[in-house]
Amino acid sequence: MSKICQITGKKALVGNNVSHSKRRTKRRFNVNLFTKKFYWVEQDCWISLKISAAGLRLINKVGLDAALKQAAEKGYLNA
């Protein structure tokens, strides 16, 4: 599975490492991902999600069911 948040759709960005002499080499800015298990009350089951820290905050704010519905509407959830 790739490094993409299943709730927010965040993925790695590409940028430059800049040295003191201003030489630039390519680098990746990875997402702060966690693999976390949640208990989904509506379906009465445990689900495992690969989510970013921002996705975790979103679940805490709006709830798991609402966050999963938003992710499914936007196409981030591959389940």
C-alpha atoms as a PDB file:
ATOM      1  CA  MET A   1       0.000   0.000   0.000  1.00  0.00           C
ATOM      2  CA  SER A   2       1.304   3.435  -0.867  1.00  0.00           C
ATOM      3  CA  LYS A   3       1.961   6.350   1.460  1.00  0.00           C
ATOM      4  CA  ILE A   4      -1.455   8.002   1.116  1.00  0.00           C
ATOM      5  CA  CYS A   5      -3.856   8.915   3.907  1.00  0.00           C
ATOM      6  CA  GLN A   6      -7.158   7.065   3.516  1.00  0.00           C
ATOM      7  CA  ILE A   7      -9.154   9.878   5.173  1.00  0.00           C
ATOM      8  CA  THR A   8      -7.668  13.112   3.818  1.00  0.00           C
ATOM      9  CA  GLY A   9      -5.956  11.874   0.643  1.00  0.00           C
ATOM     10  CA  LYS A  10      -2.650  13.503   1.575  1.00  0.00           C
ATOM     11  CA  LYS A  11       0.398  12.080  -0.184  1.00  0.00           C
ATOM     12  CA  ALA A  12       4.119  12.754  -0.451  1.00  0.00           C
ATOM     13  CA  LEU A  13       5.294  15.976  -2.109  1.00  0.00           C
ATOM     14  CA  VAL A  14       8.537  16.521  -4.010  1.00  0.00           C
ATOM     15  CA  GLY A  15      10.921  19.350  -3.245  1.00  0.00           C
ATOM     16  CA  ASN A  16      14.578  20.246  -3.044  1.00  0.00           C
ATOM     17  CA  ASN A  17      17.316  19.774  -0.497  1.00  0.00           C
ATOM     18  CA  VAL A  18      19.209  23.068  -0.506  1.00  0.00           C
ATOM     19  CA  SER A  19      22.777  22.988   0.780  1.00  0.00           C
ATOM     20  CA  HIS A  20      24.707  25.904   2.233  1.00  0.00           C
ATOM     21  CA  SER A  21      26.199  26.559  -1.206  1.00  0.00           C
ATOM     22  CA  LYS A  22      22.644  26.562  -2.669  1.00  0.00           C
ATOM     23  CA  ARG A  23      23.071  23.306  -4.633  1.00  0.00           C
ATOM     24  CA  ARG A  24      19.699  21.627  -5.070  1.00  0.00           C
ATOM     25  CA  THR A  25      18.960  17.893  -5.051  1.00  0.00           C
ATOM     26  CA  LYS A  26      15.531  16.278  -5.138  1.00  0.00           C
ATOM     27  CA  ARG A  27      13.886  15.008  -1.949  1.00  0.00           C
ATOM     28  CA  ARG A  28      10.463  13.826  -0.782  1.00  0.00           C
ATOM     29  CA  PHE A  29       8.294  15.335   1.928  1.00  0.00           C
ATOM     30  CA  ASN A  30       6.500  12.267   3.295  1.00  0.00           C
ATOM     31  CA  VAL A  31       3.173  12.327   5.123  1.00  0.00           C
ATOM     32  CA  ASN A  32       3.016  11.676   8.872  1.00  0.00           C
ATOM     33  CA  LEU A  33       1.173   8.323   8.578  1.00  0.00           C
ATOM     34  CA  PHE A  34      -0.042   5.887  11.215  1.00  0.00           C
ATOM     35  CA  THR A  35      -1.650   2.475  10.862  1.00  0.00           C
ATOM     36  CA  LYS A  36      -4.447   2.563  13.398  1.00  0.00           C
ATOM     37  CA  LYS A  37      -7.394   0.335  14.283  1.00  0.00           C
ATOM     38  CA  PHE A  38     -10.802   1.884  15.008  1.00  0.00           C
ATOM     39  CA  TYR A  39     -13.997   0.360  16.305  1.00  0.00           C
ATOM     40  CA  TRP A  40     -16.799   1.264  13.900  1.00  0.00           C
ATOM     41  CA  VAL A  41     -19.955   1.279  16.020  1.00  0.00           C
ATOM     42  CA  GLU A  42     -22.402   1.531  13.092  1.00  0.00           C
ATOM     43  CA  GLN A  43     -21.046  -1.658  11.475  1.00  0.00           C
ATOM     44  CA  ASP A  44     -20.094  -3.336  14.802  1.00  0.00           C
ATOM     45  CA  CYS A  45     -16.573  -4.201  13.617  1.00  0.00           C
ATOM     46  CA  TRP A  46     -12.928  -3.160  13.862  1.00  0.00           C
ATOM     47  CA  ILE A  47     -11.315  -1.491  10.834  1.00  0.00           C
ATOM     48  CA  SER A  48      -7.659  -0.737  10.180  1.00  0.00           C
ATOM     49  CA  LEU A  49      -6.838   2.560   8.477  1.00  0.00           C
ATOM     50  CA  LYS A  50      -3.630   4.146   7.262  1.00  0.00           C
ATOM     51  CA  ILE A  51      -4.192   7.765   8.284  1.00  0.00           C
ATOM     52  CA  SER A  52      -2.188  10.944   8.694  1.00  0.00           C
ATOM     53  CA  ALA A  53      -2.076  13.060  11.839  1.00  0.00           C
ATOM     54  CA  ALA A  54      -4.526  15.472  10.184  1.00  0.00           C
ATOM     55  CA  GLY A  55      -6.854  12.560   9.430  1.00  0.00           C
ATOM     56  CA  LEU A  56      -6.699  11.483  13.069  1.00  0.00           C
ATOM     57  CA  ARG A  57      -7.664  14.994  14.160  1.00  0.00           C
ATOM     58  CA  LEU A  58     -10.543  14.972  11.660  1.00  0.00           C
ATOM     59  CA  ILE A  59     -11.851  11.684  13.092  1.00  0.00           C
ATOM     60  CA  ASN A  60     -11.655  13.129  16.603  1.00  0.00           C
ATOM     61  CA  LYS A  61     -13.533  16.223  15.462  1.00  0.00           C
ATOM     62  CA  VAL A  62     -16.408  14.874  13.306  1.00  0.00           C
ATOM     63  CA  GLY A  63     -16.450  11.181  14.259  1.00  0.00           C
ATOM     64  CA  LEU A  64     -15.422   8.020  12.457  1.00  0.00           C
ATOM     65  CA  ASP A  65     -18.638   7.489  10.500  1.00  0.00           C
ATOM     66  CA  ALA A  66     -18.749  11.056   9.131  1.00  0.00           C
ATOM     67  CA  ALA A  67     -15.033  10.984   8.251  1.00  0.00           C
ATOM     68  CA  LEU A  68     -15.435   7.686   6.379  1.00  0.00           C
ATOM     69  CA  LYS A  69     -18.423   9.061   4.454  1.00  0.00           C
ATOM     70  CA  GLN A  70     -16.434  12.172   3.432  1.00  0.00           C
ATOM     71  CA  ALA A  71     -13.482  10.021   2.340  1.00  0.00           C
ATOM     72  CA  ALA A  72     -15.736   7.707   0.314  1.00  0.00           C
ATOM     73  CA  GLU A  73     -17.395  10.668  -1.448  1.00  0.00           C
ATOM     74  CA  LYS A  74     -14.034  12.098  -2.439  1.00  0.00           C
ATOM     75  CA  GLY A  75     -12.661   8.703  -3.489  1.00  0.00           C
ATOM     76  CA  TYR A  76      -9.850   8.465  -0.911  1.00  0.00           C
ATOM     77  CA  LEU A  77     -11.124   5.294   0.674  1.00  0.00           C
ATOM     78  CA  ASN A  78     -10.269   2.175  -1.302  1.00  0.00           C
ATOM     79  CA  ALA A  79     -12.690  -0.166   0.466  1.00  0.00           C
END
